[in-house]
Protein backbone atom coordinates (compact mmCIF):
# COMPACT_ATOMS: atom_id res chain seq x y z
CA MET A 1 121.96 87.15 129.75
CA ASN A 2 122.19 83.52 131.20
CA LYS A 3 123.80 80.77 129.38
CA LYS A 4 120.38 79.61 128.07
CA GLU A 5 119.34 83.01 126.71
CA LEU A 6 122.75 83.68 124.88
CA GLU A 7 122.40 80.37 123.03
CA ARG A 8 118.68 81.63 122.20
CA PHE A 9 119.97 84.94 121.08
CA GLU A 10 122.53 83.50 118.93
CA LYS A 11 120.72 80.87 117.02
CA GLN A 12 118.07 83.73 116.54
CA GLN A 13 120.67 85.94 115.14
CA LEU A 14 122.08 83.30 112.86
CA VAL A 15 118.38 83.23 111.42
CA ASP A 16 118.13 86.92 111.01
CA VAL A 17 121.13 87.21 108.75
CA SER A 18 119.51 84.36 106.56
CA LYS A 19 116.59 86.43 105.39
CA THR A 20 116.55 89.95 103.65
CA LEU A 21 115.21 92.72 105.69
CA ASN A 22 112.35 92.89 103.34
CA GLU A 23 111.70 89.79 103.80
CA ARG A 24 111.25 90.09 107.78
CA LYS A 25 109.10 93.52 106.82
CA GLN A 26 106.65 91.78 104.93
CA LEU A 27 106.08 88.84 107.63
CA GLY A 28 106.63 91.41 110.41
CA GLN A 29 109.63 90.14 112.13
CA PHE A 30 111.23 92.23 114.40
CA SER A 31 112.48 90.38 117.32
CA THR A 32 112.29 91.76 120.91
CA PRO A 33 115.50 92.56 122.81
CA TYR A 34 115.67 90.57 125.59
CA SER A 35 115.90 93.56 128.18
CA LEU A 36 112.48 94.63 127.18
CA ALA A 37 111.06 91.51 127.20
CA GLU A 38 112.38 91.01 130.61
CA GLU A 39 110.64 94.36 131.59
CA ILE A 40 107.27 93.10 130.13
CA ALA A 41 107.64 89.65 131.58
CA ASP A 42 108.29 91.45 135.07
CA TYR A 43 105.59 93.67 135.04
CA GLY A 44 103.13 90.88 134.11
CA LEU A 45 104.09 88.50 136.89
CA LYS A 46 103.19 91.48 139.35
CA HIS A 47 99.42 91.32 138.44
CA LEU A 48 99.61 87.67 139.16
CA ASP A 49 98.87 85.62 142.52
CA LYS A 50 102.03 83.45 143.33
CA GLU A 51 99.54 80.95 144.72
CA ALA A 52 97.97 80.08 141.08
CA ASP A 53 99.35 78.15 138.68
CA ILE A 54 100.20 80.02 135.61
CA SER A 55 99.53 79.02 132.37
CA PHE A 56 101.33 81.07 129.63
CA LEU A 57 100.69 81.96 125.97
CA ASP A 58 102.77 83.68 123.33
CA PRO A 59 100.91 83.77 119.78
CA ALA A 60 103.93 85.08 117.98
CA LEU A 61 106.79 83.17 119.77
CA GLY A 62 109.28 83.60 117.54
CA SER A 63 112.86 81.77 119.17
CA GLY A 64 110.85 82.31 122.65
CA VAL A 65 112.45 85.52 124.02
CA PHE A 66 109.29 86.41 126.40
CA PHE A 67 109.00 82.51 127.43
CA SER A 68 113.18 83.19 128.08
CA ALA A 69 112.32 86.35 129.96
CA LEU A 70 109.47 84.71 132.02
CA MET A 71 111.65 81.75 132.90
CA ALA A 72 114.09 84.22 134.82
CA GLN A 73 112.11 86.75 136.58
CA SER A 74 109.55 83.97 137.46
CA SER A 75 111.34 82.74 140.70
CA GLY A 76 108.22 82.21 143.50
CA TYR A 77 105.82 81.71 140.85
CA ARG A 78 104.52 78.17 139.81
CA LEU A 79 104.59 78.13 135.80
CA LYS A 80 102.73 74.82 134.40
CA ARG A 81 101.34 75.09 131.18
CA MET A 82 103.27 76.84 128.76
CA LEU A 83 102.44 77.29 124.86
CA GLY A 84 103.76 79.52 122.23
CA TYR A 85 102.58 79.27 118.25
CA GLU A 86 105.20 80.46 115.57
CA LEU A 87 104.09 80.85 111.94
CA ASP A 88 107.96 80.94 110.34
CA PRO A 89 109.41 77.03 111.42
CA ASP A 90 113.09 78.53 111.19
CA TYR A 91 112.29 80.61 114.49
CA GLY A 92 109.90 77.95 115.96
CA GLU A 93 112.44 74.88 115.76
CA ILE A 94 115.07 77.11 117.79
CA ALA A 95 112.12 77.47 120.45
CA ARG A 96 111.24 73.64 120.16
CA LYS A 97 114.69 72.39 120.77
CA LEU A 98 115.82 74.61 123.07
CA TRP A 99 113.14 74.63 125.70
CA GLY A 100 112.10 70.79 125.17
CA SER A 101 109.18 69.79 127.20
CA ARG A 102 108.97 73.03 129.44
CA LEU A 103 107.26 74.97 126.38
CA GLU A 104 105.13 73.52 123.68
CA VAL A 105 105.71 75.16 120.49
CA ARG A 106 103.18 74.57 117.80
CA ILE A 107 104.33 75.73 114.04
CA GLY A 108 101.49 77.20 112.54
CA ASP A 109 99.23 80.29 112.01
CA PHE A 110 97.75 81.15 115.36
CA LEU A 111 94.86 83.31 114.18
CA VAL A 112 93.17 80.28 112.37
CA ALA A 113 93.81 77.84 115.26
CA LYS A 114 91.18 76.62 117.45
CA PRO A 115 92.05 76.81 121.28
CA ASP A 116 92.17 73.64 123.23
CA ARG A 117 92.88 75.61 126.29
CA GLN A 118 92.77 78.81 128.13
CA VAL A 119 95.46 81.12 130.00
CA ASN A 120 95.97 83.57 132.57
CA LEU A 121 99.13 85.28 131.24
CA LEU A 122 99.64 86.16 127.82
CA LEU A 123 103.04 88.27 126.97
CA ALA A 124 103.57 88.76 122.90
CA ASN A 125 105.14 91.03 120.28
CA PRO A 126 102.78 90.18 117.18
CA PRO A 127 104.09 90.81 113.93
CA TYR A 128 103.80 94.44 112.61
CA VAL A 129 102.26 94.06 109.09
CA ARG A 130 100.32 96.54 107.07
CA HIS A 131 97.12 95.75 106.08
CA HIS A 132 98.30 96.19 102.32
CA PHE A 133 100.53 93.28 102.41
CA LEU A 134 97.85 90.74 103.46
CA PRO A 135 96.44 88.75 101.04
CA VAL A 136 92.81 90.06 100.28
CA ASP A 137 91.00 86.55 100.86
CA TYR A 138 93.10 85.96 103.97
CA LYS A 139 92.28 89.36 105.50
CA ASN A 140 88.57 89.17 104.81
CA LYS A 141 88.24 85.73 106.56
CA LEU A 142 90.09 87.20 109.53
CA LEU A 143 87.62 89.73 109.74
CA ALA A 144 84.55 88.03 109.43
CA GLN A 145 85.85 85.25 112.27
CA ILE A 146 86.60 88.73 114.65
CA GLN A 147 83.22 89.96 113.73
CA ARG A 148 81.82 86.52 114.71
CA GLU A 149 83.90 85.97 117.75
CA THR A 150 83.86 89.15 119.41
CA ALA A 151 81.64 91.55 117.22
CA VAL A 152 84.03 93.88 116.72
CA PRO A 153 83.86 95.57 113.16
CA LEU A 154 87.43 95.90 112.90
CA SER A 155 88.37 98.27 110.09
CA GLY A 156 90.18 96.64 107.09
CA TYR A 157 93.15 99.27 107.12
CA ALA A 158 94.00 97.44 110.59
CA SER A 159 97.59 96.18 110.87
CA LEU A 160 97.59 92.19 111.86
CA TYR A 161 98.68 92.91 115.47
CA SER A 162 94.86 94.04 115.86
CA HIS A 163 93.90 90.91 114.56
CA PHE A 164 96.21 89.00 117.09
CA ILE A 165 94.77 90.85 119.99
CA LEU A 166 91.18 90.24 118.96
CA LEU A 167 91.36 86.59 118.12
CA ALA A 168 93.53 85.83 121.26
CA HIS A 169 90.14 86.65 122.98
CA LYS A 170 88.80 83.20 123.31
CA TRP A 171 92.14 81.82 124.45
CA LEU A 172 92.02 83.79 127.77
CA LYS A 173 90.44 82.58 131.20
CA PRO A 174 88.60 85.13 133.49
CA HIS A 175 90.74 87.82 135.06
CA ALA A 176 93.97 86.81 132.46
CA ILE A 177 96.32 89.38 132.20
CA CYS A 178 97.61 90.30 128.67
CA GLY A 179 100.70 92.62 127.81
CA TRP A 180 101.04 93.06 124.12
CA LEU A 181 104.06 94.85 122.73
CA ILE A 182 102.84 96.87 119.75
CA PRO A 183 103.17 100.27 117.84
CA SER A 184 101.55 103.08 119.01
CA GLU A 185 99.75 104.26 116.61
CA PHE A 186 96.57 102.39 117.49
CA MET A 187 95.84 105.20 119.96
CA ASP A 188 95.67 107.77 117.35
CA VAL A 189 94.39 106.65 113.90
CA ASN A 190 90.82 106.10 112.69
CA TYR A 191 91.54 102.17 112.23
CA GLY A 192 92.43 102.00 115.97
CA GLN A 193 88.96 103.15 117.12
CA GLU A 194 87.49 99.77 116.97
CA LEU A 195 90.23 97.96 118.85
CA LYS A 196 89.96 100.95 121.33
CA LYS A 197 86.34 100.09 121.72
CA TYR A 198 87.18 96.67 122.53
CA LEU A 199 89.62 97.90 125.33
CA LEU A 200 87.00 99.96 127.21
CA ASN A 201 84.07 97.44 126.49
CA HIS A 202 85.34 93.77 126.38
CA VAL A 203 88.28 93.77 128.74
CA LYS A 204 89.76 95.77 131.48
CA LEU A 205 92.27 98.27 130.10
CA LEU A 206 94.87 98.52 132.79
CA ARG A 207 97.79 100.39 131.30
CA ILE A 208 99.66 101.61 128.26
CA HIS A 209 103.12 102.63 128.41
CA ARG A 210 104.67 104.27 125.63
CA TYR A 211 108.41 104.21 124.98
CA ASP A 212 110.12 107.72 124.04
CA PRO A 213 109.60 107.26 120.18
CA ASN A 214 113.37 109.06 120.13
CA ALA A 215 114.66 106.03 121.56
CA LEU A 216 114.05 103.05 119.38
CA GLN A 217 113.03 100.00 120.88
CA PHE A 218 113.71 97.83 117.52
CA LYS A 219 116.37 98.92 115.49
CA ASP A 220 115.04 97.57 112.17
CA ALA A 221 111.74 99.08 112.45
CA LEU A 222 111.03 103.05 112.33
CA VAL A 223 107.72 102.44 114.54
CA SER A 224 106.97 104.16 118.01
CA SER A 225 106.03 100.93 120.63
CA SER A 226 103.95 100.76 123.35
CA VAL A 227 102.94 97.81 125.59
CA LEU A 228 99.06 97.53 126.06
CA TRP A 229 97.77 96.00 129.35
CA TYR A 230 94.34 94.69 130.12
CA GLU A 231 92.55 92.05 132.29
CA ASN A 232 89.93 89.75 131.03
CA THR A 233 86.96 91.27 132.65
CA VAL A 234 84.59 93.76 131.98
CA CYS A 235 84.46 96.97 134.05
CA ARG A 236 81.35 98.72 133.45
CA GLN A 237 81.66 101.80 135.76
CA ASP A 238 84.37 104.27 135.10
CA TYR A 239 87.96 103.94 136.28
CA ASP A 240 91.34 105.31 136.27
CA VAL A 241 93.62 103.73 133.35
CA GLU A 242 97.37 104.58 133.62
CA LEU A 243 98.98 106.04 130.63
CA SER A 244 102.74 106.60 130.87
CA PHE A 245 105.23 107.69 128.78
CA GLY A 246 109.39 107.44 128.32
CA GLY A 247 111.69 105.71 130.65
CA THR A 248 110.63 102.10 131.96
CA HIS A 249 107.40 100.55 133.03
CA ASP A 250 109.08 101.24 136.82
CA HIS A 251 110.39 104.49 136.26
CA PRO A 252 108.23 106.47 133.49
CA ASP A 253 109.15 109.91 132.74
CA ILE A 254 105.25 110.64 132.72
CA SER A 255 102.43 108.82 134.46
CA ARG A 256 99.03 109.79 134.51
CA LYS A 257 95.51 108.39 135.79
CA ILE A 258 93.10 108.96 132.94
CA PRO A 259 89.33 108.28 133.47
CA LYS A 260 87.93 105.72 131.56
CA SER A 261 84.77 108.05 130.62
CA VAL A 262 87.58 110.46 129.11
CA LEU A 263 89.45 107.81 127.00
CA GLU A 264 85.76 107.20 125.46
CA LYS A 265 85.43 110.74 124.30
CA GLU A 266 88.89 111.39 123.05
CA PRO A 267 90.08 110.19 119.75
CA LYS A 268 93.81 110.63 120.03
CA TRP A 269 95.03 108.92 123.36
CA THR A 270 98.92 109.73 122.94
CA LYS A 271 98.44 113.22 123.52
CA LEU A 272 96.76 112.52 127.17
CA THR A 273 100.05 111.79 128.89
CA HIS A 274 101.49 115.44 127.97
CA HIS A 275 97.69 117.29 127.63
CA PRO A 276 95.37 115.22 130.00
CA LYS A 277 92.51 117.42 129.19
CA PRO A 278 90.43 116.23 126.34
CA ALA A 279 89.84 118.45 123.08
CA SER A 280 86.30 117.82 123.54
CA GLU A 281 86.18 120.27 126.82
CA THR A 282 87.76 123.02 124.56
CA SER A 283 85.88 125.50 122.48
CA LEU A 284 88.47 127.13 120.93
CA ASP A 285 88.35 128.26 116.90
CA ARG A 286 90.51 125.47 115.00
CA ILE A 287 92.15 125.50 111.49
CA GLU A 288 89.03 123.61 110.00
CA ASP A 289 87.18 126.60 110.85
CA PHE A 290 88.97 128.62 108.57
CA PHE A 291 90.23 126.74 105.65
CA ASP A 292 89.07 123.54 103.81
CA ILE A 293 92.35 121.24 103.76
CA LYS A 294 93.18 118.50 101.47
CA ARG A 295 96.39 116.53 100.65
CA GLY A 296 98.54 117.43 97.90
CA CYS A 297 98.27 115.42 94.34
CA ALA A 298 99.38 111.65 94.48
CA THR A 299 100.37 110.95 90.96
CA GLY A 300 101.19 107.38 91.09
CA ASP A 301 104.57 107.82 90.04
CA ASN A 302 106.25 111.25 90.16
CA ALA A 303 109.58 110.00 88.61
CA PHE A 304 107.04 109.76 85.65
CA PHE A 305 104.65 112.18 85.50
CA ILE A 306 106.70 115.09 87.21
CA MET A 307 109.96 116.52 85.32
CA ASP A 308 111.79 119.40 84.82
CA GLN A 309 112.61 121.44 81.73
CA GLN A 310 115.62 119.25 80.62
CA LYS A 311 113.55 116.24 80.67
CA ILE A 312 110.49 117.98 78.93
CA GLN A 313 113.11 119.12 76.32
CA LYS A 314 114.74 115.62 75.93
CA ASN A 315 111.14 113.94 75.26
CA GLY A 316 110.21 116.87 72.97
CA LEU A 317 107.18 117.84 74.97
CA SER A 318 104.46 120.99 75.03
CA MET A 319 104.03 123.36 78.00
CA ASP A 320 100.32 123.03 77.05
CA TYR A 321 99.88 120.14 79.22
CA MET A 322 102.21 121.38 81.94
CA HIS A 323 100.99 122.55 85.49
CA PRO A 324 103.54 123.91 87.86
CA ILE A 325 104.47 121.54 90.80
CA LEU A 326 106.43 122.44 93.53
CA PRO A 327 109.52 119.92 94.66
CA SER A 328 109.48 118.09 97.99
CA PRO A 329 109.84 120.30 101.19
CA ARG A 330 113.52 119.29 101.33
CA PHE A 331 114.03 120.71 98.13
CA LEU A 332 111.98 123.66 98.31
CA GLY A 333 114.28 125.91 100.31
CA THR A 334 111.86 128.64 101.28
CA ASP A 335 108.83 129.43 103.10
CA VAL A 336 107.30 132.05 100.60
CA ILE A 337 106.88 131.31 96.91
CA GLU A 338 107.06 134.23 94.89
CA ALA A 339 105.30 133.99 91.32
CA ASN A 340 106.45 135.27 87.70
CA PRO A 341 104.26 137.06 85.67
CA ASP A 342 102.83 134.03 84.13
CA GLY A 343 102.22 132.58 87.61
CA SER A 344 104.97 130.38 87.81
CA PRO A 345 106.92 130.13 90.65
CA VAL A 346 109.80 131.78 91.33
CA MET A 347 112.54 129.29 91.78
CA GLU A 348 115.74 128.08 90.27
CA LYS A 349 114.87 124.80 88.99
CA PRO A 350 110.81 124.53 88.34
CA TYR A 351 108.75 121.19 87.89
CA TYR A 352 105.88 120.53 86.28
CA LEU A 353 103.07 117.89 86.16
CA ILE A 354 101.99 116.22 83.14
CA ASN A 355 98.25 117.23 83.92
CA CYS A 356 96.33 116.16 80.45
CA THR A 357 92.48 115.14 80.40
CA LEU A 358 92.11 113.97 76.72
CA LEU A 359 91.27 110.33 75.84
CA GLU A 360 93.64 108.36 74.42
CA GLU A 361 92.20 108.77 70.78
CA ASP A 362 92.23 112.66 70.76
CA LEU A 363 95.75 112.81 72.55
CA GLN A 364 97.34 111.03 69.69
CA LYS A 365 95.98 113.23 67.28
CA LEU A 366 96.50 116.32 69.20
CA TYR A 367 99.73 115.61 71.28
CA PRO A 368 101.48 112.51 69.08
CA GLU A 369 104.56 113.27 71.41
CA LEU A 370 102.98 113.27 74.63
CA TRP A 371 101.36 109.99 73.44
CA ASN A 372 104.43 108.58 72.65
CA TYR A 373 106.03 109.48 76.29
CA LEU A 374 102.85 107.63 77.80
CA GLN A 375 103.36 104.51 75.60
CA LYS A 376 106.37 104.16 77.82
CA GLY A 377 104.30 103.37 80.95
CA ILE A 378 101.75 101.40 79.79
CA ASP A 379 103.10 98.22 81.11
CA THR A 380 104.70 99.50 84.44
CA VAL A 381 103.28 102.84 85.66
CA SER A 382 99.58 102.32 84.50
CA ASN A 383 99.52 98.95 86.53
CA ARG A 384 100.36 100.89 89.88
CA TYR A 385 97.80 100.96 92.34
CA LEU A 386 96.62 104.64 91.85
CA CYS A 387 96.75 104.37 88.35
CA LYS A 388 94.80 101.77 87.09
CA ASN A 389 91.98 102.39 89.48
CA ARG A 390 91.65 106.13 87.61
CA LYS A 391 88.92 106.51 84.78
CA ARG A 392 92.32 106.77 82.59
CA TRP A 393 95.30 105.90 83.97
CA TYR A 394 97.58 108.97 83.41
CA PHE A 395 94.58 111.51 84.45
CA GLN A 396 95.47 113.56 87.71
CA GLU A 397 93.75 114.95 90.42
CA ARG A 398 92.06 117.97 90.41
CA ARG A 399 93.58 120.18 92.52
CA ALA A 400 93.54 124.13 92.92
CA SER A 401 96.59 126.28 93.44
CA PRO A 402 96.67 126.60 97.34
CA PRO A 403 97.73 129.86 98.79
CA LEU A 404 98.70 128.24 101.90
CA LEU A 405 100.71 124.93 102.45
CA CYS A 406 101.41 122.95 105.23
CA THR A 407 104.46 120.23 105.43
CA TYR A 408 102.98 116.92 105.99
CA MET A 409 105.98 115.05 107.68
CA GLY A 410 109.23 115.81 109.29
CA ARG A 411 111.70 115.38 112.18
CA LYS A 412 112.38 118.15 115.13
CA LYS A 413 115.88 118.16 114.65
CA THR A 414 116.93 120.72 117.31
CA ALA A 415 115.11 122.48 120.21
CA GLU A 416 113.91 125.20 118.07
CA SER A 417 113.35 123.71 114.61
CA LYS A 418 109.66 122.65 113.63
CA PRO A 419 108.45 119.18 112.04
CA PHE A 420 105.53 121.59 110.52
CA HIS A 421 105.71 124.44 109.30
CA PHE A 422 103.19 126.72 106.86
CA ILE A 423 104.05 127.94 103.03
CA ARG A 424 102.80 131.01 101.59
CA ASN A 425 102.34 130.29 97.97
CA TYR A 426 101.50 133.48 95.64
CA SER A 427 102.11 131.34 92.42
CA ASN A 428 99.71 129.11 90.66
CA ALA A 429 101.65 125.95 91.50
CA ILE A 430 100.06 123.15 92.95
CA ALA A 431 101.87 120.42 95.32
CA THR A 432 102.39 116.60 95.78
CA ASN A 433 101.14 114.62 98.78
CA SER A 434 104.12 115.97 100.43
CA TYR A 435 102.27 118.90 101.37
CA LEU A 436 98.97 119.36 103.21
CA MET A 437 97.05 122.47 101.11
CA LEU A 438 95.19 125.05 102.86
CA TYR A 439 92.04 126.78 100.75
CA PRO A 440 90.41 129.81 102.97
CA LYS A 441 86.65 129.55 103.77
CA GLY A 442 83.96 131.05 105.36
CA ASP A 443 84.58 134.21 107.57
CA LEU A 444 88.14 134.20 106.47
CA LEU A 445 87.52 134.17 102.87
CA SER A 446 84.58 136.83 103.18
CA ALA A 447 87.44 139.30 105.07
CA MET A 448 89.94 138.38 102.54
CA GLY A 449 87.52 140.27 100.14
CA LYS A 450 88.28 143.16 102.41
CA ASP A 451 91.58 143.56 102.79
CA PRO A 452 93.77 140.84 100.52
CA LYS A 453 96.77 141.17 103.10
CA LEU A 454 94.75 139.13 105.73
CA LEU A 455 96.03 135.96 104.75
CA ASP A 456 99.55 136.95 104.84
CA ASN A 457 98.88 137.89 108.51
CA VAL A 458 97.24 134.52 109.04
CA TRP A 459 100.52 132.75 107.58
CA LEU A 460 102.39 134.63 109.87
CA TYR A 461 100.24 133.78 112.97
CA LEU A 462 100.18 130.15 112.18
CA ASN A 463 103.71 129.95 111.71
CA ARG A 464 103.99 131.18 114.85
CA LEU A 465 101.71 128.26 117.00
CA SER A 466 103.82 126.27 119.51
CA THR A 467 104.93 123.43 117.56
CA ASP A 468 103.43 121.19 120.94
CA ILE A 469 100.20 122.45 119.94
CA ILE A 470 100.41 121.08 116.30
CA GLU A 471 102.57 117.93 117.34
CA GLN A 472 99.80 116.82 119.93
CA GLU A 473 97.10 116.89 117.11
CA GLY A 474 99.58 114.76 114.70
CA ARG A 475 101.19 111.14 115.33
CA VAL A 476 104.72 110.46 115.93
CA TYR A 477 107.22 107.41 114.47
CA GLY A 478 110.26 105.88 115.60
CA GLY A 479 113.36 108.31 115.43
CA GLY A 480 111.07 111.08 116.20
CA LEU A 481 109.44 111.34 112.67
CA LYS A 482 106.13 113.48 113.05
CA LYS A 483 103.39 113.45 110.75
CA ILE A 484 99.82 114.92 110.53
CA GLU A 485 96.61 114.02 108.34
CA PRO A 486 94.21 116.61 106.90
CA ARG A 487 91.81 116.23 109.60
CA GLU A 488 94.23 116.28 111.99
CA LEU A 489 95.82 119.60 110.99
CA GLY A 490 92.19 120.79 111.09
CA LYS A 491 91.87 120.11 115.05
CA VAL A 492 94.71 122.26 115.71
CA PRO A 493 93.55 125.19 117.90
CA CYS A 494 94.04 129.06 116.38
CA PRO A 495 92.20 131.37 118.21
CA GLY A 496 94.41 134.37 116.48
CA VAL A 497 92.86 133.73 113.36
CA ARG A 498 89.28 135.26 114.72
CA LYS A 499 91.12 138.18 116.52
CA LEU A 500 92.80 139.01 112.74
CA ILE A 501 89.18 138.63 111.22
CA LYS A 502 87.62 140.99 113.56
CA GLU A 503 90.32 143.89 113.03
CA ILE A 504 89.26 143.87 109.91
CA GLN A 505 85.74 143.89 110.30
CA GLY A 506 85.88 146.54 112.77
């Protein structure tokens, strides 16, 4: 670090420790490491003409790490008009005092600011704030503004960085270069689809460099990071976009040129670095062809609604309204759940879900002990988001016992371990939303009528599927945490299931 950067870093550290981690998370304040800012600034400058004046914007300035990196990397370039916006004055004042007249610092909300200039270089690490942390009125105002300015119908589930990217469009000169350090999730999730359409139709997408999620870029945020690069120009014809993974911009572990036409068809972009052939070009059977897949029950408060025998007895509750439910995968300890004669799962410590559909007046008469227990949650549990949006706050989702389950998330701790695995369930237990529940349908269900053991063979086959095949349909977070949603699991190819069915059919 040069002397100026060292001063900036030390002052930023003092502000960081003055705030709780929870406060910084709610505002999305994850400061960019200087070495990463240098790499990004250096790559951005390579796209600009040294003969042209550089006008710069950082809409989420913080204490000015990107400007600091730009100053260090810009020998031979003409830096003319430098501007930064920062919502938090604690950080903005550091940059204002440190850089003086070289950088104009505006302390305020960039998202509602009206441009008084346009720039040809934008570098930023916008706040990573999930949609549920945004006040509803504020979010709706931003969504309406985005629709007016860009005609992009951004999803209400989109995180705040998407709003920054779209609302920065009016600040850009023709052919301006933009580099955004953002979470990789937008490339795979449903609420990222409109942002991807913007990148393919409103600007010219140049490159997305995705850092290896096992090498966290931010020590206090478990996100998988990417740098999104585009030029403010529209390119209607097909062209190649660089998708790179791992390493650095100059020395990635993997780099592929993917045609724009492929990106338009492929819903999950992250897998294209490792598997450049899009899923739409294959015709294999998939898990969704043989199973209905549903997420496990979201109770609203597991600690309140799920209990063991000891807690049931302590509260004087009856088994009449208790339904067996599986513990989280880390406490399950098996891939085969056997059943007792009454259908309950064989396990050392069984758990049960309060599953009662009686209305309060009937409940108080028939099961006064349960009614008394539920009164303990009236002022707390009943006000939780899921509970207060139900017909009755204590009603649970209706779920049949699934014969197969799949774990919802996990880490690959060793080369042999699997973040996702399939579980055979012979009991009448249901599961929480730590699992995905699979219910046979169609040809598989029909064939099971001829040979009930078929499902055992299907289960063994699914567990032999390559981890890589399953992971490419899911998503990955910082620290190597893997996650797969019901629709994503449904897209996993499984041609062997059809072969097993045909063996039964003769």
